[in-house]
């Protein structure tokens, strides 16, 4: 794929972003991953608020029981799956959580994040202006993004 003039670059991605420190210790399934990520600067505060409000609402034990601490990714300069345009992840404007229990093609009948106990989490996400692909399109329930659909 040839990068258009406005394409994200890996150099810009790392250098021009400040860390968004998360109050929730994230794990890549089975391995402690990190305490911070580097989203696009405009999404920094809202993303920090999402995780702080999630922790405040649920508490750490419930966050862990719901697998809201299972990090699946944020910044990843790549095309969309099955397409040639860039993924929202390429700009650092999307987050994936708990990919093991919310596979890309699963609909609400299989995805964990579609269950009623996650409703408060999705309200927190939406109050910060982020969008859930699962709630909007009924697939990729692990994914929420700062960009509109």
N, C-alpha and C. Protein backbone atom coordinates (compact mmCIF):
# COMPACT_ATOMS: atom_id res chain seq x y z
N UNK A 1 0.85 -1.17 0.00
CA UNK A 1 0.00 0.00 0.00
C UNK A 1 0.90 1.24 0.00
N UNK A 2 0.60 2.20 -0.84
CA UNK A 2 1.31 3.47 -0.87
C UNK A 2 0.62 4.43 0.07
N UNK A 3 1.41 5.08 0.91
CA UNK A 3 0.83 6.02 1.86
C UNK A 3 0.46 7.32 1.16
N UNK A 4 -0.80 7.77 1.30
CA UNK A 4 -1.16 9.08 0.76
C UNK A 4 -0.49 10.17 1.58
N UNK A 5 -0.48 11.44 1.09
CA UNK A 5 0.20 12.51 1.82
C UNK A 5 -0.26 12.68 3.26
N UNK A 6 -1.50 12.34 3.56
CA UNK A 6 -2.02 12.54 4.91
C UNK A 6 -1.97 11.26 5.74
N UNK A 7 -1.21 10.29 5.28
CA UNK A 7 -1.15 9.01 5.99
C UNK A 7 -0.45 9.15 7.33
N UNK A 8 -0.83 8.34 8.31
CA UNK A 8 -0.11 8.34 9.58
C UNK A 8 1.28 7.78 9.35
N UNK A 9 2.22 8.20 10.13
CA UNK A 9 3.57 7.65 10.02
C UNK A 9 4.00 7.13 11.38
N UNK A 10 4.80 6.10 11.39
CA UNK A 10 5.25 5.55 12.66
C UNK A 10 6.13 6.54 13.40
N UNK A 11 6.89 7.35 12.69
CA UNK A 11 7.72 8.36 13.36
C UNK A 11 6.85 9.38 14.08
N UNK A 12 5.85 9.90 13.40
CA UNK A 12 4.94 10.87 14.01
C UNK A 12 4.18 10.22 15.16
N UNK A 13 3.82 8.99 14.98
CA UNK A 13 3.01 8.31 15.97
C UNK A 13 3.68 8.26 17.33
N UNK A 14 4.93 7.90 17.37
CA UNK A 14 5.61 7.76 18.66
C UNK A 14 6.05 9.10 19.23
N UNK A 15 6.55 10.00 18.40
CA UNK A 15 7.15 11.23 18.88
C UNK A 15 6.15 12.28 19.35
N UNK A 16 5.06 12.41 18.67
CA UNK A 16 4.16 13.53 18.92
C UNK A 16 2.98 13.17 19.82
N UNK A 17 3.14 12.18 20.64
CA UNK A 17 2.04 11.76 21.51
C UNK A 17 2.52 11.71 22.95
N UNK A 18 1.65 12.14 23.84
CA UNK A 18 1.98 12.00 25.25
C UNK A 18 1.25 10.77 25.78
N UNK A 19 1.82 10.16 26.77
CA UNK A 19 1.24 8.94 27.32
C UNK A 19 -0.07 9.25 28.03
N UNK A 20 -1.04 8.42 27.81
CA UNK A 20 -2.31 8.48 28.53
C UNK A 20 -2.20 7.42 29.62
N UNK A 21 -1.95 7.87 30.83
CA UNK A 21 -1.79 6.93 31.95
C UNK A 21 -3.15 6.41 32.37
N UNK A 22 -3.21 5.13 32.54
CA UNK A 22 -4.47 4.47 32.87
C UNK A 22 -4.46 4.01 34.32
N UNK A 23 -5.53 4.27 35.05
CA UNK A 23 -5.60 3.81 36.43
C UNK A 23 -5.83 2.30 36.54
N UNK A 24 -6.14 1.66 35.41
CA UNK A 24 -6.38 0.22 35.37
C UNK A 24 -5.13 -0.45 34.80
N UNK A 25 -4.53 -1.41 35.52
CA UNK A 25 -3.40 -2.12 34.92
C UNK A 25 -3.91 -3.03 33.79
N UNK A 26 -3.42 -2.80 32.58
CA UNK A 26 -3.87 -3.58 31.43
C UNK A 26 -3.05 -4.82 31.25
N UNK A 27 -3.68 -5.84 30.73
CA UNK A 27 -3.01 -7.09 30.44
C UNK A 27 -3.30 -7.47 29.00
N UNK A 28 -2.27 -7.90 28.31
CA UNK A 28 -2.48 -8.60 27.04
C UNK A 28 -2.78 -10.01 27.50
N UNK A 29 -3.76 -10.69 26.98
CA UNK A 29 -4.18 -11.96 27.56
C UNK A 29 -3.03 -12.80 28.12
N UNK A 30 -2.98 -12.83 29.45
CA UNK A 30 -2.00 -13.63 30.16
C UNK A 30 -0.71 -12.92 30.54
N UNK A 31 -0.45 -11.74 29.99
CA UNK A 31 0.82 -11.04 30.24
C UNK A 31 0.52 -9.58 30.57
N UNK A 32 1.12 -9.06 31.66
CA UNK A 32 0.91 -7.65 31.97
C UNK A 32 1.49 -6.82 30.84
N UNK A 33 0.71 -5.92 30.30
CA UNK A 33 1.13 -5.18 29.12
C UNK A 33 1.65 -3.79 29.47
N UNK A 34 0.83 -2.97 30.09
CA UNK A 34 1.23 -1.59 30.27
C UNK A 34 0.28 -0.84 31.18
N UNK A 35 0.71 0.35 31.57
CA UNK A 35 -0.13 1.26 32.34
C UNK A 35 -0.47 2.51 31.53
N UNK A 36 0.07 2.62 30.32
CA UNK A 36 -0.24 3.79 29.50
C UNK A 36 -0.26 3.42 28.03
N UNK A 37 -0.95 4.23 27.25
CA UNK A 37 -0.96 4.10 25.80
C UNK A 37 -0.77 5.50 25.22
N UNK A 38 -0.59 5.59 23.92
CA UNK A 38 -0.34 6.88 23.27
C UNK A 38 -1.40 7.13 22.20
N UNK A 39 -2.56 7.64 22.61
CA UNK A 39 -3.60 7.95 21.63
C UNK A 39 -3.29 9.26 20.91
N UNK A 40 -4.08 9.53 19.88
CA UNK A 40 -3.99 10.82 19.21
C UNK A 40 -4.21 11.91 20.27
N UNK A 41 -3.47 13.01 20.24
CA UNK A 41 -3.57 14.02 21.30
C UNK A 41 -4.99 14.51 21.60
N UNK A 42 -5.83 14.68 20.58
CA UNK A 42 -7.20 15.17 20.82
C UNK A 42 -8.04 14.19 21.62
N UNK A 43 -7.66 12.93 21.63
CA UNK A 43 -8.44 11.92 22.34
C UNK A 43 -7.88 11.60 23.73
N UNK A 44 -6.76 12.19 24.06
CA UNK A 44 -6.05 11.86 25.31
C UNK A 44 -6.94 12.02 26.54
N UNK A 45 -7.50 13.20 26.74
CA UNK A 45 -8.26 13.47 27.96
C UNK A 45 -9.52 12.62 28.05
N UNK A 46 -10.24 12.49 26.93
CA UNK A 46 -11.47 11.70 26.97
C UNK A 46 -11.18 10.23 27.24
N UNK A 47 -10.08 9.72 26.69
CA UNK A 47 -9.73 8.33 26.94
C UNK A 47 -9.33 8.11 28.39
N UNK A 48 -8.56 9.03 28.94
CA UNK A 48 -8.20 8.94 30.36
C UNK A 48 -9.47 8.97 31.21
N UNK A 49 -10.42 9.83 30.86
CA UNK A 49 -11.69 9.90 31.59
C UNK A 49 -12.47 8.60 31.50
N UNK A 50 -12.47 7.97 30.33
CA UNK A 50 -13.18 6.70 30.17
C UNK A 50 -12.65 5.69 31.18
N UNK A 51 -11.34 5.55 31.27
CA UNK A 51 -10.79 4.53 32.16
C UNK A 51 -10.89 4.92 33.63
N UNK A 52 -10.74 6.19 33.94
CA UNK A 52 -10.90 6.63 35.33
C UNK A 52 -12.35 6.44 35.78
N UNK A 53 -13.30 6.81 34.94
CA UNK A 53 -14.72 6.67 35.29
C UNK A 53 -15.14 5.20 35.36
N UNK A 54 -14.55 4.38 34.50
CA UNK A 54 -14.82 2.94 34.54
C UNK A 54 -14.35 2.35 35.86
N UNK A 55 -13.14 2.71 36.26
CA UNK A 55 -12.61 2.21 37.53
C UNK A 55 -13.44 2.72 38.70
N UNK A 56 -13.83 3.98 38.66
CA UNK A 56 -14.65 4.54 39.74
C UNK A 56 -16.00 3.84 39.82
N UNK A 57 -16.61 3.58 38.68
CA UNK A 57 -17.94 2.95 38.66
C UNK A 57 -17.89 1.49 39.12
N UNK A 58 -16.96 0.72 38.58
CA UNK A 58 -16.95 -0.72 38.82
C UNK A 58 -16.03 -1.16 39.96
N UNK A 59 -14.94 -0.44 40.21
CA UNK A 59 -13.91 -0.91 41.13
C UNK A 59 -13.02 -1.91 40.41
N UNK A 60 -11.79 -2.06 40.89
CA UNK A 60 -10.80 -2.88 40.18
C UNK A 60 -11.20 -4.35 40.08
N UNK A 61 -11.75 -4.92 41.14
CA UNK A 61 -12.13 -6.34 41.09
C UNK A 61 -13.18 -6.61 40.02
N UNK A 62 -14.17 -5.73 39.92
CA UNK A 62 -15.22 -5.92 38.91
C UNK A 62 -14.68 -5.65 37.50
N UNK A 63 -13.81 -4.64 37.37
CA UNK A 63 -13.16 -4.38 36.08
C UNK A 63 -12.45 -5.65 35.61
N UNK A 64 -11.73 -6.29 36.51
CA UNK A 64 -11.00 -7.51 36.16
C UNK A 64 -11.96 -8.66 35.86
N UNK A 65 -13.03 -8.78 36.63
CA UNK A 65 -14.00 -9.85 36.40
C UNK A 65 -14.69 -9.69 35.04
N UNK A 66 -14.89 -8.44 34.62
CA UNK A 66 -15.51 -8.16 33.32
C UNK A 66 -14.50 -8.16 32.17
N UNK A 67 -13.24 -8.38 32.48
CA UNK A 67 -12.14 -8.37 31.50
C UNK A 67 -11.98 -7.02 30.80
N UNK A 68 -12.35 -5.95 31.48
CA UNK A 68 -12.13 -4.60 30.95
C UNK A 68 -10.66 -4.20 31.09
N UNK A 69 -9.86 -5.06 31.69
CA UNK A 69 -8.42 -4.83 31.82
C UNK A 69 -7.62 -5.61 30.78
N UNK A 70 -8.30 -6.27 29.87
CA UNK A 70 -7.63 -7.07 28.84
C UNK A 70 -7.41 -6.21 27.59
N UNK A 71 -6.22 -5.66 27.48
CA UNK A 71 -5.88 -4.71 26.42
C UNK A 71 -5.65 -5.42 25.10
N UNK A 72 -6.25 -4.89 24.05
CA UNK A 72 -6.09 -5.48 22.72
C UNK A 72 -5.40 -4.58 21.72
N UNK A 73 -5.19 -3.30 22.07
CA UNK A 73 -4.46 -2.42 21.17
C UNK A 73 -5.05 -1.03 21.09
N UNK A 74 -4.22 -0.09 20.64
CA UNK A 74 -4.63 1.29 20.40
C UNK A 74 -3.96 1.77 19.12
N UNK A 75 -2.71 2.19 19.21
CA UNK A 75 -1.99 2.71 18.06
C UNK A 75 -1.37 1.56 17.27
N UNK A 76 -1.77 1.42 16.01
CA UNK A 76 -1.24 0.38 15.15
C UNK A 76 -1.38 0.87 13.71
N UNK A 77 -0.29 1.35 13.13
CA UNK A 77 -0.34 1.92 11.78
C UNK A 77 -0.49 0.77 10.78
N UNK A 78 -1.73 0.65 10.28
CA UNK A 78 -2.06 -0.45 9.36
C UNK A 78 -3.33 -0.11 8.61
N UNK A 79 -3.59 -0.78 7.48
CA UNK A 79 -4.87 -0.59 6.80
C UNK A 79 -5.99 -1.28 7.57
N UNK A 80 -7.21 -0.90 7.25
CA UNK A 80 -8.37 -1.60 7.80
C UNK A 80 -8.33 -3.04 7.35
N UNK A 81 -8.87 -3.91 8.16
CA UNK A 81 -8.92 -5.31 7.76
C UNK A 81 -9.81 -5.43 6.52
N UNK A 82 -9.26 -6.05 5.50
CA UNK A 82 -10.02 -6.26 4.27
C UNK A 82 -10.15 -5.01 3.41
N UNK A 83 -9.38 -3.97 3.68
CA UNK A 83 -9.50 -2.74 2.90
C UNK A 83 -8.16 -2.11 2.62
N UNK A 84 -8.19 -0.96 1.96
CA UNK A 84 -6.95 -0.26 1.63
C UNK A 84 -6.83 1.06 2.37
N UNK A 85 -7.92 1.57 2.94
CA UNK A 85 -7.83 2.80 3.72
C UNK A 85 -7.27 2.47 5.11
N UNK A 86 -6.78 3.49 5.78
CA UNK A 86 -6.17 3.26 7.09
C UNK A 86 -7.20 3.01 8.17
N UNK A 87 -6.84 2.14 9.09
CA UNK A 87 -7.64 1.86 10.26
C UNK A 87 -7.66 3.07 11.19
N UNK A 88 -8.70 3.22 11.97
CA UNK A 88 -8.75 4.26 12.99
C UNK A 88 -7.61 4.04 13.99
N UNK A 89 -7.18 2.80 14.16
CA UNK A 89 -6.03 2.51 15.02
C UNK A 89 -4.75 3.14 14.48
N UNK A 90 -4.65 3.33 13.17
CA UNK A 90 -3.45 3.93 12.58
C UNK A 90 -3.24 5.35 13.07
N UNK A 91 -4.30 5.99 13.48
CA UNK A 91 -4.22 7.37 13.98
C UNK A 91 -4.18 7.41 15.51
N UNK A 92 -4.30 6.26 16.15
CA UNK A 92 -4.32 6.23 17.62
C UNK A 92 -5.63 6.75 18.17
N UNK A 93 -6.71 6.56 17.42
CA UNK A 93 -8.02 7.08 17.83
C UNK A 93 -9.01 5.95 18.11
N UNK A 94 -8.50 4.76 18.43
CA UNK A 94 -9.36 3.63 18.74
C UNK A 94 -8.66 2.74 19.77
N UNK A 95 -9.47 2.01 20.51
CA UNK A 95 -8.96 1.08 21.52
C UNK A 95 -9.72 -0.23 21.37
N UNK A 96 -9.01 -1.33 21.53
CA UNK A 96 -9.62 -2.66 21.60
C UNK A 96 -9.39 -3.21 23.00
N UNK A 97 -10.43 -3.77 23.58
CA UNK A 97 -10.34 -4.44 24.88
C UNK A 97 -10.91 -5.85 24.77
N UNK A 98 -10.35 -6.75 25.52
CA UNK A 98 -10.80 -8.14 25.64
C UNK A 98 -11.10 -8.80 24.28
N UNK A 99 -10.09 -8.88 23.40
CA UNK A 99 -10.32 -9.49 22.10
C UNK A 99 -10.65 -10.98 22.16
N UNK A 100 -10.26 -11.65 23.22
CA UNK A 100 -10.54 -13.08 23.34
C UNK A 100 -12.04 -13.34 23.42
N UNK A 101 -12.77 -12.49 24.14
CA UNK A 101 -14.20 -12.70 24.35
C UNK A 101 -15.08 -11.80 23.49
N UNK A 102 -14.47 -11.09 22.55
CA UNK A 102 -15.20 -10.17 21.68
C UNK A 102 -14.57 -10.17 20.29
N UNK A 103 -14.54 -11.32 19.66
CA UNK A 103 -13.87 -11.47 18.36
C UNK A 103 -14.47 -10.53 17.32
N UNK A 104 -13.63 -10.17 16.36
CA UNK A 104 -13.99 -9.19 15.33
C UNK A 104 -15.36 -9.45 14.71
N UNK A 105 -15.65 -10.63 14.29
CA UNK A 105 -16.88 -10.92 13.54
C UNK A 105 -18.05 -11.38 14.41
N UNK A 106 -17.85 -11.44 15.72
CA UNK A 106 -18.95 -11.88 16.58
C UNK A 106 -20.01 -10.80 16.70
N UNK A 107 -21.26 -11.22 16.68
CA UNK A 107 -22.36 -10.28 16.89
C UNK A 107 -22.79 -10.34 18.36
N UNK A 108 -23.89 -9.65 18.66
CA UNK A 108 -24.33 -9.54 20.06
C UNK A 108 -24.69 -10.88 20.68
N UNK A 109 -24.96 -11.89 19.88
CA UNK A 109 -25.30 -13.20 20.44
C UNK A 109 -24.08 -13.91 21.04
N UNK A 110 -22.86 -13.50 20.67
CA UNK A 110 -21.65 -14.16 21.17
C UNK A 110 -20.72 -13.24 21.95
N UNK A 111 -20.69 -11.96 21.63
CA UNK A 111 -19.72 -11.04 22.23
C UNK A 111 -20.05 -10.74 23.69
N UNK A 112 -19.06 -10.85 24.55
CA UNK A 112 -19.25 -10.55 25.97
C UNK A 112 -19.69 -9.11 26.19
N UNK A 113 -19.09 -8.16 25.47
CA UNK A 113 -19.39 -6.75 25.68
C UNK A 113 -20.81 -6.36 25.27
N UNK A 114 -21.55 -7.27 24.66
CA UNK A 114 -22.94 -7.00 24.30
C UNK A 114 -23.89 -7.28 25.46
N UNK A 115 -23.40 -7.92 26.51
CA UNK A 115 -24.27 -8.29 27.63
C UNK A 115 -24.64 -7.07 28.47
N UNK A 116 -25.73 -7.20 29.20
CA UNK A 116 -26.29 -6.09 29.98
C UNK A 116 -25.33 -5.54 31.03
N UNK A 117 -24.47 -6.38 31.61
CA UNK A 117 -23.57 -5.88 32.65
C UNK A 117 -22.54 -4.88 32.13
N UNK A 118 -22.40 -4.77 30.81
CA UNK A 118 -21.46 -3.80 30.23
C UNK A 118 -22.12 -2.47 29.88
N UNK A 119 -23.42 -2.37 30.05
CA UNK A 119 -24.14 -1.14 29.71
C UNK A 119 -23.53 0.10 30.40
N UNK A 120 -23.20 0.05 31.70
CA UNK A 120 -22.58 1.23 32.32
C UNK A 120 -21.25 1.61 31.67
N UNK A 121 -20.46 0.62 31.26
CA UNK A 121 -19.20 0.92 30.57
C UNK A 121 -19.48 1.65 29.27
N UNK A 122 -20.43 1.17 28.49
CA UNK A 122 -20.72 1.82 27.20
C UNK A 122 -21.29 3.22 27.40
N UNK A 123 -22.04 3.43 28.45
CA UNK A 123 -22.52 4.80 28.73
C UNK A 123 -21.35 5.72 29.04
N UNK A 124 -20.37 5.23 29.80
CA UNK A 124 -19.16 6.01 30.10
C UNK A 124 -18.42 6.35 28.81
N UNK A 125 -18.24 5.36 27.96
CA UNK A 125 -17.56 5.56 26.67
C UNK A 125 -18.28 6.62 25.85
N UNK A 126 -19.59 6.48 25.72
CA UNK A 126 -20.38 7.40 24.89
C UNK A 126 -20.46 8.80 25.49
N UNK A 127 -20.47 8.91 26.82
CA UNK A 127 -20.47 10.23 27.46
C UNK A 127 -19.20 11.02 27.12
N UNK A 128 -18.12 10.32 26.81
CA UNK A 128 -16.87 10.97 26.44
C UNK A 128 -16.77 11.20 24.93
N UNK A 129 -17.84 10.89 24.19
CA UNK A 129 -17.87 11.15 22.76
C UNK A 129 -17.29 10.04 21.89
N UNK A 130 -17.01 8.90 22.48
CA UNK A 130 -16.47 7.78 21.73
C UNK A 130 -17.61 6.90 21.23
N UNK A 131 -17.34 6.09 20.21
CA UNK A 131 -18.35 5.26 19.55
C UNK A 131 -17.94 3.79 19.61
N UNK A 132 -18.90 2.94 19.89
CA UNK A 132 -18.69 1.49 19.89
C UNK A 132 -19.13 0.91 18.55
N UNK A 133 -18.23 0.19 17.88
CA UNK A 133 -18.63 -0.49 16.65
C UNK A 133 -19.68 -1.55 16.96
N UNK A 134 -19.54 -2.23 18.08
CA UNK A 134 -20.51 -3.25 18.45
C UNK A 134 -21.91 -2.68 18.59
N UNK A 135 -22.03 -1.60 19.32
CA UNK A 135 -23.35 -1.00 19.55
C UNK A 135 -23.91 -0.35 18.29
N UNK A 136 -23.05 0.14 17.43
CA UNK A 136 -23.52 0.80 16.22
C UNK A 136 -23.73 -0.16 15.04
N UNK A 137 -22.84 -1.17 14.93
CA UNK A 137 -22.86 -2.02 13.74
C UNK A 137 -22.97 -3.52 14.05
N UNK A 138 -22.99 -3.88 15.33
CA UNK A 138 -23.10 -5.26 15.80
C UNK A 138 -21.99 -6.18 15.29
N UNK A 139 -20.77 -5.68 15.30
CA UNK A 139 -19.58 -6.50 15.10
C UNK A 139 -18.41 -5.77 15.75
N UNK A 140 -17.31 -6.45 15.96
CA UNK A 140 -16.11 -5.85 16.56
C UNK A 140 -16.42 -5.17 17.89
N UNK A 141 -17.06 -5.92 18.78
CA UNK A 141 -17.47 -5.39 20.08
C UNK A 141 -16.29 -4.99 20.96
N UNK A 142 -15.09 -5.46 20.65
CA UNK A 142 -13.90 -5.08 21.43
C UNK A 142 -13.50 -3.64 21.18
N UNK A 143 -13.96 -3.04 20.07
CA UNK A 143 -13.45 -1.79 19.52
C UNK A 143 -14.34 -0.60 19.88
N UNK A 144 -13.70 0.48 20.36
CA UNK A 144 -14.39 1.77 20.45
C UNK A 144 -13.44 2.84 19.97
N UNK A 145 -14.00 3.92 19.42
CA UNK A 145 -13.17 4.89 18.74
C UNK A 145 -13.63 6.31 18.98
N UNK A 146 -12.67 7.24 18.85
CA UNK A 146 -12.96 8.66 19.02
C UNK A 146 -13.55 9.26 17.75
N UNK A 147 -13.45 8.56 16.64
CA UNK A 147 -13.99 9.04 15.36
C UNK A 147 -15.43 8.57 15.20
N UNK A 148 -16.24 9.38 14.53
CA UNK A 148 -17.62 8.97 14.27
C UNK A 148 -17.65 7.98 13.10
N UNK A 149 -18.75 7.24 13.00
CA UNK A 149 -18.89 6.25 11.92
C UNK A 149 -19.54 6.87 10.70
